[in-house]
Protein backbone atom coordinates (compact mmCIF):
# COMPACT_ATOMS: atom_id res chain seq x y z
CA MET A 1 -7.41 64.61 -2.17
CA MET A 2 -4.76 62.64 -0.31
CA LYS A 3 -3.22 59.56 -1.48
CA SER A 4 -4.83 56.29 -0.23
CA THR A 5 -1.32 54.59 0.13
CA LEU A 6 -0.38 57.29 2.83
CA SER A 7 -0.16 55.90 6.12
CA ILE A 8 -1.52 58.26 9.18
CA GLU A 9 2.41 58.52 10.30
CA GLU A 10 3.11 59.70 6.99
CA ILE A 11 0.22 62.19 7.08
CA ASN A 12 1.69 65.77 8.32
CA ASP A 13 -0.77 68.22 7.00
CA ILE A 14 -3.44 69.07 9.77
CA ASP A 15 -6.21 69.57 6.96
CA GLU A 16 -5.35 66.35 5.50
CA LEU A 17 -5.84 64.60 8.87
CA ARG A 18 -9.12 66.73 9.57
CA LYS A 19 -10.14 65.30 6.53
CA LEU A 20 -9.71 61.58 7.28
CA ILE A 21 -11.32 62.22 10.64
CA ASN A 22 -14.26 63.54 9.12
CA ILE A 23 -14.61 60.75 6.80
CA LEU A 24 -14.37 58.58 9.46
CA ASN A 25 -16.46 60.15 11.92
CA ASN A 26 -19.43 60.22 8.65
CA LYS A 27 -18.46 56.51 8.30
CA ILE A 28 -19.05 55.88 11.83
CA GLU A 29 -22.63 57.70 12.17
CA LEU A 30 -23.73 55.57 8.82
CA ILE A 31 -23.15 52.29 10.76
CA GLU A 32 -24.45 53.65 13.79
CA SER A 33 -27.51 55.00 12.50
CA GLY A 34 -28.54 50.93 11.61
CA LYS A 35 -29.69 47.73 13.14
CA LYS A 36 -27.02 46.09 11.56
CA ALA A 37 -24.22 47.15 14.00
CA LEU A 38 -26.19 46.00 17.07
CA CYS A 39 -26.94 42.57 15.54
CA ASP A 40 -22.92 42.05 14.45
CA LEU A 41 -22.08 43.22 18.00
CA ILE A 42 -24.21 40.76 19.50
CA PHE A 43 -23.08 37.73 16.87
CA ARG A 44 -19.48 38.58 18.06
CA LYS A 45 -19.82 38.03 21.24
CA CYS A 46 -22.15 34.82 22.02
CA LYS A 47 -22.88 31.45 20.10
CA LEU A 48 -25.82 31.24 17.16
CA ILE A 49 -28.67 29.29 19.24
CA CYS A 50 -32.31 29.44 19.05
CA PRO A 51 -34.10 32.17 21.39
CA SER A 52 -36.77 29.38 22.02
CA CYS A 53 -35.48 26.09 22.53
CA HIS A 54 -31.89 27.14 22.51
CA SER A 55 -30.67 24.56 19.88
CA ASN A 56 -27.88 25.62 17.81
CA SER A 57 -29.06 23.89 14.72
CA VAL A 58 -29.87 26.80 12.86
CA ASN A 59 -30.14 27.77 8.98
CA LYS A 60 -29.80 31.56 7.66
CA ASN A 61 -33.28 32.51 6.33
CA GLY A 62 -32.68 35.56 4.23
CA LYS A 63 -32.07 39.29 5.25
CA TYR A 64 -34.71 42.16 6.11
CA LYS A 65 -33.45 45.55 6.41
CA GLY A 66 -30.17 44.41 6.42
CA LYS A 67 -30.26 42.29 9.16
CA GLN A 68 -29.83 38.60 8.76
CA ASN A 69 -32.90 36.38 9.67
CA TYR A 70 -32.36 32.49 11.01
CA ILE A 71 -34.85 29.65 11.59
CA CYS A 72 -34.36 26.86 13.60
CA LYS A 73 -34.54 23.33 12.28
CA GLU A 74 -35.78 21.87 15.73
CA CYS A 75 -38.57 24.23 16.54
CA LYS A 76 -38.94 25.96 13.23
CA LYS A 77 -39.08 28.94 14.94
CA LYS A 78 -37.57 32.73 12.95
CA PHE A 79 -35.67 34.78 14.82
CA ASN A 80 -32.72 37.57 14.19
CA GLY A 81 -29.80 38.99 16.38
CA LEU A 82 -31.85 41.04 18.24
CA THR A 83 -34.53 38.55 19.33
CA ASN A 84 -34.99 38.79 23.11
CA SER A 85 -32.01 40.84 23.40
CA VAL A 86 -32.19 44.39 25.01
CA PHE A 87 -32.58 45.86 21.67
CA HIS A 88 -35.21 43.76 20.61
CA HIS A 89 -38.34 45.68 19.82
CA THR A 90 -36.45 49.29 19.50
CA HIS A 91 -36.16 51.77 16.72
CA LEU A 92 -33.23 53.42 18.66
CA SER A 93 -29.81 53.68 17.12
CA PHE A 94 -26.45 52.32 17.79
CA LYS A 95 -25.59 55.57 19.00
CA GLN A 96 -28.68 56.16 21.22
CA ILE A 97 -28.20 52.57 22.64
CA GLU A 98 -24.63 53.71 23.95
CA GLN A 99 -25.42 56.92 25.30
CA ALA A 100 -28.18 55.03 27.40
CA PHE A 101 -25.03 52.80 29.03
CA GLU A 102 -23.22 55.68 29.62
CA CYS A 103 -26.18 57.43 31.23
CA ILE A 104 -26.63 54.26 33.64
CA LEU A 105 -22.94 54.74 34.25
CA HIS A 106 -23.11 58.14 35.34
CA LEU A 107 -26.16 57.29 37.21
CA PHE A 108 -28.37 60.39 35.09
CA SER A 109 -32.10 60.58 35.80
CA ILE A 110 -34.36 59.21 33.53
CA ARG A 111 -35.34 63.08 32.45
CA LYS A 112 -32.03 63.85 31.71
CA THR A 113 -31.30 60.48 30.18
CA ALA A 114 -34.01 61.13 27.60
CA GLN A 115 -32.89 64.41 26.60
CA ILE A 116 -29.67 63.23 25.77
CA MET A 117 -31.21 60.33 23.69
CA LYS A 118 -33.57 62.40 22.28
CA VAL A 119 -36.60 60.32 23.24
CA SER A 120 -39.39 59.92 25.59
CA THR A 121 -39.25 59.77 29.30
CA LYS A 122 -41.28 56.18 28.73
CA THR A 123 -38.59 54.99 26.14
CA ALA A 124 -35.66 55.73 28.32
CA PHE A 125 -37.41 54.39 31.48
CA THR A 126 -37.88 51.05 29.66
CA LEU A 127 -34.52 51.16 28.10
CA ARG A 128 -32.79 51.10 31.30
CA HIS A 129 -34.80 48.35 33.02
CA LYS A 130 -33.94 46.39 30.26
CA ILE A 131 -30.48 46.71 30.31
CA ILE A 132 -30.31 46.66 34.31
CA SER A 133 -32.93 43.55 34.52
CA CYS A 134 -29.72 41.28 32.29
CA LEU A 135 -27.39 42.03 35.30
CA LYS A 136 -29.46 39.12 37.56
CA ASP A 137 -27.04 36.46 36.02
CA ILE A 138 -23.75 38.15 35.96
CA ILE A 139 -24.60 39.23 39.70
CA ASN A 140 -25.80 35.65 40.64
CA SER A 141 -22.40 34.28 39.38
CA PHE A 142 -20.48 36.08 41.82
CA ILE A 143 -19.78 33.25 44.61
CA LEU A 144 -18.26 34.59 48.08
CA ASN A 145 -15.38 32.27 49.84
CA GLY A 146 -12.63 32.97 52.19
CA ASP A 147 -12.85 35.46 54.95
CA ILE A 148 -16.95 36.82 54.54
CA LYS A 149 -18.62 39.29 56.05
CA LEU A 150 -22.48 39.25 56.35
CA ASP A 151 -24.80 41.70 57.34
CA GLU A 152 -28.52 43.27 56.66
CA TYR A 153 -29.63 46.57 55.37
CA TYR A 154 -33.10 47.43 55.77
CA THR A 155 -35.45 50.26 54.16
CA SER A 156 -38.79 51.26 53.77
CA ILE A 157 -41.34 50.08 50.99
CA ASN A 158 -41.67 52.14 48.30
CA LEU A 159 -44.71 51.85 46.33
CA LYS A 160 -43.43 54.78 43.54
CA GLY A 161 -45.11 54.30 40.15
CA THR A 162 -47.96 52.08 41.55
CA LYS A 163 -51.19 53.34 40.18
CA LYS A 164 -54.38 54.11 42.78
CA GLU A 165 -56.40 51.16 41.79
CA ASN A 166 -53.33 48.95 42.34
CA MET A 167 -52.52 50.38 46.12
CA PRO A 168 -52.15 47.73 48.41
CA ARG A 169 -52.99 50.05 51.12
CA MET A 170 -54.33 53.55 51.23
CA SER A 171 -51.72 56.44 50.67
CA LYS A 172 -50.10 57.74 53.84
CA LYS A 173 -49.58 61.77 54.56
CA ARG A 174 -45.80 62.74 54.50
CA THR A 175 -45.53 63.39 58.51
CA SER A 176 -42.58 62.52 60.57
CA HIS A 177 -44.64 59.88 63.14
CA GLY A 178 -48.44 58.39 64.04
CA ASN A 179 -48.59 56.83 60.50
CA LYS A 180 -46.36 53.69 60.39
CA LYS A 181 -44.62 50.77 62.24
CA ARG A 182 -41.54 51.57 64.20
CA GLY A 183 -38.32 49.98 64.42
CA ILE A 184 -37.95 46.97 62.23
CA SER A 185 -41.48 45.73 61.66
CA SER A 186 -42.85 43.66 58.71
CA HIS A 187 -43.09 47.38 56.81
CA LYS A 188 -39.17 47.18 56.53
CA ILE A 189 -37.45 45.38 53.41
CA CYS A 190 -34.50 43.20 54.76
CA ILE A 191 -31.86 42.74 52.18
CA VAL A 192 -28.96 40.24 53.06
CA SER A 193 -25.59 41.88 52.09
CA GLY A 194 -22.17 39.89 52.16
CA CYS A 195 -18.65 40.53 50.72
CA ASP A 196 -15.63 38.62 50.82
CA GLU A 197 -11.74 39.61 50.98
CA PHE A 198 -11.58 39.13 46.96
CA ASP A 199 -14.02 42.04 46.32
CA ASN A 200 -17.02 39.78 45.64
CA MET A 201 -20.49 40.77 46.81
CA PHE A 202 -24.23 40.61 46.89
CA PHE A 203 -27.11 42.50 47.96
CA THR A 204 -30.50 40.42 47.85
CA ILE A 205 -33.96 41.08 49.05
CA SER A 206 -35.13 38.07 51.20
CA GLY A 207 -38.16 39.49 52.43
CA THR A 208 -39.62 41.85 55.14
CA GLY A 209 -39.14 42.42 58.72
CA PRO A 210 -35.64 41.16 60.99
CA VAL A 211 -33.53 38.60 59.34
CA THR A 212 -34.29 35.20 60.07
CA SER A 213 -32.97 31.85 59.86
CA ASP A 214 -34.78 30.62 56.63
CA MET A 215 -33.74 34.16 55.01
CA ILE A 216 -30.23 33.00 55.45
CA LYS A 217 -30.49 29.49 54.23
CA ASN A 218 -32.35 30.50 51.24
CA TYR A 219 -30.43 33.71 50.14
CA VAL A 220 -26.95 33.34 51.47
CA VAL A 221 -25.83 29.95 51.84
CA PRO A 222 -26.38 29.44 48.01
CA ARG A 223 -23.81 32.44 47.66
CA ILE A 224 -21.09 31.45 49.67
CA ARG A 225 -18.31 28.41 49.26
CA ASN A 226 -14.93 27.61 50.92
CA VAL A 227 -15.56 29.55 54.06
CA LYS A 228 -12.57 29.84 56.24
CA LYS A 229 -14.46 32.54 58.26
CA ILE A 230 -18.11 34.33 58.90
CA ILE A 231 -18.12 37.60 60.55
CA THR A 232 -21.62 38.75 61.40
CA ASP A 233 -23.34 40.79 64.51
CA CYS A 234 -24.99 39.14 66.98
CA LYS A 235 -28.17 38.29 65.69
CA SER A 236 -29.37 34.53 66.91
CA SER A 237 -30.40 33.64 63.12
CA TYR A 238 -26.41 33.20 62.29
CA GLU A 239 -25.99 31.08 65.01
CA SER A 240 -28.45 28.24 64.22
CA VAL A 241 -27.22 28.30 60.53
CA ALA A 242 -23.67 28.24 61.38
CA LYS A 243 -23.97 25.16 63.70
CA GLU A 244 -25.57 23.50 61.11
CA LYS A 245 -23.43 24.53 58.01
CA ASN A 246 -19.85 24.25 60.62
CA TRP A 247 -19.04 27.77 59.83
CA ASN A 248 -16.01 29.37 61.87
CA LEU A 249 -18.58 31.94 63.08
CA LYS A 250 -17.34 35.42 64.38
CA GLN A 251 -19.82 37.57 66.21
CA ILE A 252 -19.25 41.20 66.51
CA LYS A 253 -21.05 42.15 70.01
CA SER A 254 -23.35 45.19 69.63
CA GLY A 255 -21.69 48.51 70.72
CA THR A 256 -18.32 47.51 69.88
CA TYR A 257 -16.50 47.84 66.29
CA THR A 258 -14.14 44.86 66.55
CA ASP A 259 -13.52 41.64 68.43
CA ASP A 260 -10.35 40.38 69.97
CA ASP A 261 -9.27 38.71 67.25
CA ASN A 262 -9.68 42.26 65.35
CA ASN A 263 -12.65 40.94 63.45
CA ASN A 264 -14.76 43.93 62.10
CA LEU A 265 -18.08 44.67 59.72
CA ALA A 266 -16.40 48.22 58.72
CA GLU A 267 -16.30 46.80 55.20
CA ILE A 268 -19.76 45.90 54.98
CA ASN A 269 -20.89 48.75 56.78
CA SER A 270 -18.96 50.90 54.31
CA LEU A 271 -20.82 49.27 51.39
CA HIS A 272 -24.30 50.27 52.79
CA GLN A 273 -23.30 53.92 53.22
CA GLN A 274 -22.45 54.00 49.38
CA LEU A 275 -25.62 52.24 49.12
CA ASP A 276 -27.62 54.84 50.54
CA ILE A 277 -25.82 57.45 48.39
CA PHE A 278 -26.06 55.50 45.25
CA LEU A 279 -30.00 55.08 45.80
CA SER A 280 -30.44 58.95 46.57
CA ASN A 281 -29.30 59.72 42.92
CA PHE A 282 -32.58 57.74 41.60
CA ARG A 283 -34.85 60.28 44.10
CA GLY A 284 -36.71 56.95 45.58
CA VAL A 285 -36.67 53.84 44.58
CA SER A 286 -39.62 51.80 43.91
CA THR A 287 -39.65 48.50 46.00
CA LYS A 288 -40.89 46.40 43.16
CA HIS A 289 -37.65 47.27 40.96
CA LEU A 290 -35.49 47.49 43.71
CA GLN A 291 -33.58 43.97 43.35
CA GLN A 292 -32.50 45.33 39.79
CA TYR A 293 -30.90 48.29 41.22
CA LEU A 294 -28.88 46.52 43.99
CA ASP A 295 -27.63 44.46 41.13
CA LEU A 296 -26.67 47.49 39.23
CA PHE A 297 -25.02 48.75 42.45
CA CYS A 298 -22.95 45.86 42.50
CA PHE A 299 -21.98 45.72 39.11
CA LEU A 300 -20.87 48.95 39.04
CA LYS A 301 -18.55 48.55 41.96
CA TYR A 302 -16.98 45.88 40.33
CA LEU A 303 -16.37 47.92 37.29
CA ASN A 304 -14.69 50.55 39.11
CA TRP A 305 -12.56 47.74 41.22
CA THR A 306 -11.41 46.09 38.30
CA LEU A 307 -11.38 48.33 35.03
CA ASP A 308 -10.12 52.18 34.00
CA TYR A 309 -13.19 54.36 33.32
CA SER A 310 -12.30 54.58 30.08
CA ASP A 311 -13.25 50.59 29.51
CA GLN A 312 -16.11 50.48 31.47
CA LEU A 313 -18.44 51.26 29.01
CA ILE A 314 -17.28 49.10 26.71
CA LYS A 315 -17.06 46.13 29.20
CA PHE A 316 -20.62 46.71 30.44
CA ARG A 317 -22.31 47.32 26.70
CA ASN A 318 -20.30 43.77 25.88
CA LYS A 319 -21.48 42.07 29.01
CA ILE A 320 -25.25 43.03 28.54
CA CYS A 321 -25.53 42.71 24.59
CA ILE A 322 -25.60 38.75 24.84
CA LYS A 323 -28.25 38.58 27.41
CA ASN A 324 -31.67 38.37 27.24
CA THR A 325 -34.69 39.71 28.80
CA ASP A 326 -38.49 39.56 28.80
CA ILE A 327 -38.88 43.01 30.35
CA ASN A 328 -40.57 45.29 27.37
CA TYR A 329 -42.72 48.42 26.71
CA LEU A 330 -46.01 46.92 28.15
CA ASN A 331 -44.88 45.29 31.45
CA VAL A 332 -41.91 47.31 32.72
CA CYS A 333 -44.16 48.60 35.30
CA ASP A 334 -45.09 44.96 36.78
CA ASN A 335 -44.08 44.17 40.21
CA TYR A 336 -40.48 42.05 39.60
CA SER A 337 -39.72 41.55 43.11
CA ASN A 338 -40.08 38.44 45.23
CA LEU A 339 -42.63 40.35 47.62
CA ASN A 340 -46.74 40.55 47.82
CA PHE A 341 -47.49 43.91 48.87
CA TYR A 342 -51.19 42.75 49.88
CA ASP A 343 -49.74 40.44 52.27
CA ILE A 344 -47.46 42.52 53.82
CA TYR A 345 -50.39 45.12 54.27
CA LYS A 346 -53.11 42.66 54.97
CA ASP A 347 -53.18 44.01 58.52
CA TYR A 348 -54.64 47.57 57.08
CA ASN A 349 -57.78 45.63 55.72
CA PHE A 350 -57.65 47.49 52.22
CA HIS A 351 -59.47 45.96 49.71
CA PRO A 352 -58.78 47.70 46.29
CA LEU A 353 -60.73 47.92 43.39
CA LYS A 354 -57.80 45.98 41.28
CA THR A 355 -55.71 43.26 42.81
CA THR A 356 -52.98 42.93 40.59
CA THR A 357 -49.43 44.88 40.68
């Protein structure tokens, strides 16, 4: 047995090094198998506050299965480090949760993620949506400024995962024509998007049909500050808002790629192409969950542009562990979008047996 007083630099025997590695691996596995590692991770990254009333007047209230419990002096509610976090109501180990983060970074399917984590597909699906739901606050904090490019991305409504009794319309046959509205109709999702010279971006579902001035006021204006120049296409909805907000608006004419001042929309159009590829990895994303995947796309781009690959997993995990989520095993399939599918398809005059999604 090697002496504990030796430093790693003094150990030259390969067998001794392997023994040391095995001891460390066993120690890591022991820690990862319990919930204490998750609690310690959360409390290293955030202040201790009550998840109910957000008061910081809390006292320790004993331990249960290695987890420190607390009680709020204000509302008298009891909680622990995992309450309302991504790791709440889960029996997964620290190692399995890290595998889930890694699978999301690699854009693995739910089935492959479940195989790697050795859990059911429903558990893998729930954990993925708990994780990506926490990105909302992070993405909403990104504010565009300087030279800003704005455009829209349109996609068809996808009712994947909706039960038959909750369908807002009759199921459609998979044909290439004759069963849907053509062009940018009220059955197309409008996603307003923007990017600036500092690599900040946003993709937000604003409604259905062509972009309107109200969509821009509600979903674009709150996301931009200190505007030097706004570059868009020639839609009139941008003109009315730019006049009201005193923007320096530069519009690219239809059929051209640049104007006389060399302004263009190449960067935002490239992001739209990358978004197409990103969404194709999931074999169709349900519209009711689409905003969460748009937030994931923006966050992964942020990681790729700011960090080395080896640091991305730790950054991803540390950002998410301090966020709260209300998604759980029972409500994960609910409609979390700002769209009412029954209003969108009201011209179909379809009356389902149950009117909740």
